[in-house]
Amino acid sequence: MIKIIDVHKRFNPGTANEVYALRGINLHIEEGEFVTVIGTNGSGKSTLLNALAGAFLPDSGSIDIDGLEVTDKKDFQRAKYIARVFQNPFMGTAPEMTIAENLHMASLRCKRSFPKRGLNAERLKTYRAEVAQLEMQLEDRLRNFIGTLSGGQRQALTLLMAVITEPKVLLLDEHTAALDPKSAAQVIKLTKKFIEGTKLTTLMVTHSMQQALDLGTRTIMMNKGQIIDDIPQKEKQRITVNDLLDKFAELRKAEQLTDEMIEELRQGYV
């Protein structure tokens, strides 16, 4: 499904601000796999998702999605294959449109149709049933503007909008990090339900080591733009959060990660 072969990316090359963000990334993800991604800040987690989404073109290497090479294709050219949910709950929806209009826009994604076309009683009934799955009492508020909702409600709707057309690939970039604990737990519950229900091929960056272990079929660990560990499902079932922290502690010894980085992991991931 996804094949990333020897992908490199430098930002601001040849300047004082040069960042070597991806260093020879090789990653093969089968159809239906759910991969969680962990690492310290600046390790390349979000950059990896951006590379897949087409937010930038790699300096070298290749990217295939569902048998199609997309290495040189920009983000809008990959949109029919990829859906994405960002950390910020306000990025995935149009606040001055209603819940129904946002869902309708999402359902017509990459189709040749005007946004308003077909937003009739039958479709409203369908969207009502879809929204009821969120368990947030929003199904009777389809005509409410999304801008009036809480961050947790908007993020849940963003997730629904991302999966409503069953894309080839779902990218989740710390999509619960900005939410309160109750909303985050509900969004994670919905994430698991949607992905398992449709067997979506998924990459999820997370700042929770517990989430990384509890969710998905594999966990990859990144550091300095490289994948330094790839933990299969059987091993995930045996290890603990402390085991993951020990791996980062080993990195600290080998590469002198700062005390602040280790504390960030301990506080942010547990």
Protein backbone atom coordinates (compact mmCIF):
# COMPACT_ATOMS: atom_id res chain seq x y z
CA MET A 1 0.00 0.00 0.00
CA ILE A 2 2.65 2.55 1.07
CA LYS A 3 6.27 2.24 0.01
CA ILE A 4 8.75 4.91 1.03
CA ILE A 5 12.21 4.21 -0.33
CA ASP A 6 15.33 6.13 0.77
CA VAL A 7 13.58 9.48 1.16
CA HIS A 8 15.73 12.46 2.14
CA LYS A 9 14.68 16.04 2.85
CA ARG A 10 16.68 19.12 3.84
CA PHE A 11 15.04 22.47 4.54
CA ASN A 12 16.97 25.71 3.93
CA PRO A 13 19.99 23.83 2.50
CA GLY A 14 23.31 25.62 2.55
CA THR A 15 22.16 28.19 5.12
CA ALA A 16 22.63 28.65 8.86
CA ASN A 17 19.05 27.40 9.27
CA GLU A 18 19.55 24.12 7.39
CA VAL A 19 17.58 21.24 8.86
CA TYR A 20 18.16 17.66 7.72
CA ALA A 21 14.60 16.54 8.44
CA LEU A 22 14.43 13.09 6.81
CA ARG A 23 17.51 10.92 6.47
CA GLY A 24 17.01 7.94 4.20
CA ILE A 25 13.53 6.91 5.32
CA ASN A 26 12.53 3.39 4.29
CA LEU A 27 9.05 2.28 5.28
CA HIS A 28 6.66 -0.33 3.85
CA ILE A 29 3.08 -0.36 5.16
CA GLU A 30 0.62 -3.03 4.05
CA GLU A 31 -3.01 -2.29 3.25
CA GLY A 32 -5.06 -2.05 6.43
CA GLU A 33 -2.08 -1.57 8.75
CA PHE A 34 -2.38 1.01 11.55
CA VAL A 35 1.05 2.41 12.40
CA THR A 36 1.67 4.70 15.38
CA VAL A 37 4.68 7.04 15.30
CA ILE A 38 6.60 8.29 18.34
CA GLY A 39 9.74 10.36 18.90
CA THR A 40 11.04 13.53 20.51
CA ASN A 41 10.24 16.98 19.13
CA GLY A 42 12.17 17.51 15.91
CA SER A 43 12.60 13.80 15.24
CA GLY A 44 10.78 13.97 11.89
CA LYS A 45 7.35 12.59 12.80
CA SER A 46 5.20 15.34 11.27
CA THR A 47 7.69 15.76 8.42
CA LEU A 48 7.14 12.10 7.52
CA LEU A 49 3.38 12.71 7.32
CA ASN A 50 3.96 15.88 5.29
CA ALA A 51 6.11 13.92 2.86
CA LEU A 52 3.32 11.39 2.36
CA ALA A 53 0.68 14.09 2.00
CA GLY A 54 2.71 16.00 -0.60
CA ALA A 55 3.20 19.15 1.46
CA PHE A 56 6.67 19.23 -0.06
CA LEU A 57 8.61 17.13 -2.56
CA PRO A 58 11.53 15.04 -1.27
CA ASP A 59 15.09 15.82 -2.32
CA SER A 60 15.57 12.18 -3.29
CA GLY A 61 13.93 8.80 -2.92
CA SER A 62 10.47 7.61 -3.92
CA ILE A 63 6.95 7.35 -2.47
CA ASP A 64 4.29 4.92 -3.74
CA ILE A 65 0.67 4.81 -2.60
CA ASP A 66 -1.51 1.90 -3.66
CA GLY A 67 0.83 1.00 -6.50
CA LEU A 68 1.05 4.55 -7.85
CA GLU A 69 4.26 6.56 -7.61
CA VAL A 70 3.37 9.96 -6.17
CA THR A 71 6.90 11.23 -5.44
CA ASP A 72 6.57 14.23 -7.75
CA LYS A 73 2.86 14.86 -7.19
CA LYS A 74 1.76 17.83 -5.08
CA ASP A 75 -0.71 17.66 -2.21
CA PHE A 76 -3.83 18.46 -4.27
CA GLN A 77 -2.88 15.69 -6.69
CA ARG A 78 -2.75 13.17 -3.84
CA ALA A 79 -5.94 14.39 -2.14
CA LYS A 80 -8.14 11.64 -3.59
CA TYR A 81 -5.96 9.03 -1.87
CA ILE A 82 -5.17 10.74 1.43
CA ALA A 83 -7.20 12.25 4.26
CA ARG A 84 -5.59 14.04 7.18
CA VAL A 85 -6.48 15.28 10.66
CA PHE A 86 -4.22 17.88 12.26
CA GLN A 87 -3.48 18.71 15.89
CA ASN A 88 -5.40 21.97 15.75
CA PRO A 89 -9.18 21.23 15.91
CA PHE A 90 -9.90 24.42 13.97
CA MET A 91 -7.95 23.43 10.85
CA GLY A 92 -10.21 20.69 9.51
CA THR A 93 -13.57 22.43 9.23
CA ALA A 94 -15.15 25.57 7.76
CA PRO A 95 -16.47 27.51 10.79
CA GLU A 96 -19.01 29.64 8.91
CA MET A 97 -20.69 26.59 7.39
CA THR A 98 -23.11 24.25 9.14
CA ILE A 99 -22.32 20.74 10.30
CA ALA A 100 -24.36 19.37 7.39
CA GLU A 101 -22.60 21.59 4.85
CA ASN A 102 -19.17 20.57 6.16
CA LEU A 103 -20.09 16.89 5.92
CA HIS A 104 -21.50 17.40 2.44
CA MET A 105 -18.29 19.10 1.30
CA ALA A 106 -16.31 16.18 2.70
CA SER A 107 -18.53 13.59 0.99
CA LEU A 108 -18.03 15.33 -2.37
CA ARG A 109 -14.28 15.48 -1.92
CA CYS A 110 -12.46 15.05 -5.24
CA LYS A 111 -15.76 14.67 -7.06
CA ARG A 112 -16.98 16.93 -9.86
CA SER A 113 -19.99 18.47 -8.14
CA PHE A 114 -21.09 21.77 -6.66
CA PRO A 115 -21.03 21.83 -2.83
CA LYS A 116 -24.76 22.54 -2.43
CA ARG A 117 -25.93 19.95 -4.94
CA GLY A 118 -27.83 17.07 -3.38
CA LEU A 119 -28.02 18.46 0.17
CA ASN A 120 -31.59 17.25 0.46
CA ALA A 121 -33.69 15.46 3.07
CA GLU A 122 -32.26 12.05 2.15
CA ARG A 123 -28.68 13.23 2.55
CA LEU A 124 -29.49 15.04 5.79
CA LYS A 125 -30.89 11.77 7.13
CA THR A 126 -27.65 10.02 6.14
CA TYR A 127 -25.51 12.70 7.77
CA ARG A 128 -27.63 12.58 10.90
CA ALA A 129 -26.89 8.85 11.24
CA GLU A 130 -23.18 9.46 10.64
CA VAL A 131 -23.02 12.20 13.28
CA ALA A 132 -24.92 10.08 15.79
CA GLN A 133 -21.89 7.74 15.85
CA LEU A 134 -19.88 10.49 17.54
CA GLU A 135 -22.02 10.20 20.71
CA MET A 136 -21.87 13.96 21.24
CA GLN A 137 -25.56 14.82 20.79
CA LEU A 138 -24.85 16.68 17.56
CA GLU A 139 -27.18 14.73 15.28
CA ASP A 140 -30.05 17.18 15.96
CA ARG A 141 -27.80 20.19 15.36
CA LEU A 142 -26.89 19.66 11.73
CA ARG A 143 -27.88 23.22 10.86
CA ASN A 144 -25.64 24.73 13.57
CA PHE A 145 -22.51 26.50 12.42
CA ILE A 146 -19.39 24.48 13.21
CA GLY A 147 -17.72 27.62 14.56
CA THR A 148 -20.06 27.49 17.55
CA LEU A 149 -18.84 24.03 18.66
CA SER A 150 -16.15 23.08 21.14
CA GLY A 151 -12.69 21.95 20.05
CA GLY A 152 -13.48 18.34 20.92
CA GLN A 153 -16.71 18.37 18.93
CA ARG A 154 -14.98 19.93 15.93
CA GLN A 155 -12.14 17.41 16.05
CA ALA A 156 -14.59 14.51 16.18
CA LEU A 157 -16.40 15.95 13.16
CA THR A 158 -13.08 16.50 11.39
CA LEU A 159 -12.25 12.83 11.93
CA LEU A 160 -15.66 11.81 10.56
CA MET A 161 -15.15 14.07 7.54
CA ALA A 162 -11.74 12.49 6.93
CA VAL A 163 -13.07 8.93 6.83
CA ILE A 164 -16.51 9.48 5.29
CA THR A 165 -15.26 8.70 1.76
CA GLU A 166 -12.97 5.85 2.92
CA PRO A 167 -9.65 7.19 1.61
CA LYS A 168 -6.70 4.95 0.78
CA VAL A 169 -4.59 6.47 3.57
CA LEU A 170 -5.48 8.29 6.80
CA LEU A 171 -2.86 10.54 8.42
CA LEU A 172 -3.38 11.62 12.05
CA ASP A 173 -0.94 14.23 13.31
CA GLU A 174 -1.22 14.35 17.12
CA HIS A 175 -4.95 14.84 16.62
CA THR A 176 -5.80 14.62 20.33
CA ALA A 177 -2.90 16.66 21.73
CA ALA A 178 -4.88 19.94 21.96
CA LEU A 179 -7.99 18.40 23.55
CA ASP A 180 -9.07 18.05 27.15
CA PRO A 181 -8.76 14.49 28.54
CA LYS A 182 -12.46 13.63 28.15
CA SER A 183 -12.64 14.86 24.55
CA ALA A 184 -9.32 13.20 23.72
CA ALA A 185 -10.56 9.85 25.05
CA GLN A 186 -13.72 10.09 22.94
CA VAL A 187 -11.80 11.02 19.78
CA ILE A 188 -9.41 8.09 20.34
CA LYS A 189 -12.39 5.78 20.81
CA LEU A 190 -13.83 7.02 17.50
CA THR A 191 -10.44 6.74 15.81
CA LYS A 192 -10.18 3.08 16.74
CA LYS A 193 -13.79 2.43 15.68
CA PHE A 194 -13.47 4.09 12.26
CA ILE A 195 -10.09 2.57 11.41
CA GLU A 196 -10.97 -0.96 12.50
CA GLY A 197 -14.42 -0.76 10.91
CA THR A 198 -13.12 0.11 7.45
CA LYS A 199 -9.57 -1.30 7.77
CA LEU A 200 -8.07 2.05 6.80
CA THR A 201 -4.33 2.19 6.21
CA THR A 202 -3.29 4.68 8.88
CA LEU A 203 -0.26 6.53 10.26
CA MET A 204 -0.83 8.24 13.60
CA VAL A 205 1.72 10.52 15.24
CA THR A 206 1.09 10.61 18.97
CA HIS A 207 2.52 12.25 22.08
CA SER A 208 1.18 9.43 24.22
CA MET A 209 3.28 6.31 24.56
CA GLN A 210 0.27 4.54 26.02
CA GLN A 211 -1.72 5.34 22.88
CA ALA A 212 1.18 4.13 20.76
CA LEU A 213 1.13 0.76 22.51
CA ASP A 214 -2.65 0.40 22.83
CA LEU A 215 -3.50 1.33 19.25
CA GLY A 216 -2.40 0.01 15.90
CA THR A 217 -0.57 -2.96 14.48
CA ARG A 218 2.95 -1.45 14.59
CA THR A 219 4.82 1.34 16.30
CA ILE A 220 7.78 3.10 14.74
CA MET A 221 10.19 5.25 16.73
CA MET A 222 11.94 8.20 15.08
CA ASN A 223 15.01 10.21 16.02
CA LYS A 224 16.91 12.85 14.04
CA GLY A 225 14.96 12.17 10.86
CA GLN A 226 15.45 8.40 10.92
CA ILE A 227 13.33 5.40 11.86
CA ILE A 228 15.34 3.81 14.65
CA ASP A 229 12.90 1.09 15.72
CA ASP A 230 9.94 -0.73 14.20
CA ILE A 231 7.91 -2.62 16.82
CA PRO A 232 5.49 -5.28 15.52
CA GLN A 233 2.14 -6.04 17.12
CA LYS A 234 3.29 -9.13 19.04
CA GLU A 235 6.10 -7.18 20.67
CA LYS A 236 3.78 -4.23 21.37
CA GLN A 237 1.59 -6.55 23.42
CA ARG A 238 4.55 -7.49 25.63
CA ILE A 239 6.22 -4.16 26.30
CA THR A 240 5.26 -1.25 28.56
CA VAL A 241 5.57 2.52 28.52
CA ASN A 242 8.64 2.18 30.74
CA ASP A 243 10.21 -0.11 28.15
CA LEU A 244 9.77 2.63 25.54
CA LEU A 245 11.23 5.20 27.91
CA ASP A 246 14.20 2.91 28.42
CA LYS A 247 14.75 2.92 24.65
CA PHE A 248 14.91 6.71 24.72
CA ALA A 249 17.24 6.55 27.72
CA GLU A 250 19.57 4.36 25.65
CA LEU A 251 19.47 7.00 22.94
CA ARG A 252 20.38 9.58 25.55
CA LYS A 253 23.52 7.68 26.36
CA ALA A 254 24.42 7.12 22.73
CA GLU A 255 23.51 10.54 21.33
CA GLN A 256 23.37 12.75 24.42
CA LEU A 257 19.69 13.62 24.40
CA THR A 258 19.19 16.45 26.87
CA ASP A 259 17.52 16.06 30.24
CA GLU A 260 14.74 18.30 28.91
CA MET A 261 14.02 15.85 26.05
CA ILE A 262 13.84 12.89 28.41
CA GLU A 263 11.56 14.80 30.79
CA GLU A 264 9.38 15.84 27.87
CA LEU A 265 8.94 12.20 26.96
CA ARG A 266 8.21 11.18 30.53
CA GLN A 267 5.63 13.93 31.08
CA GLY A 268 4.11 14.06 27.63
CA TYR A 269 3.89 10.40 26.72
CA VAL A 270 2.93 8.63 29.91
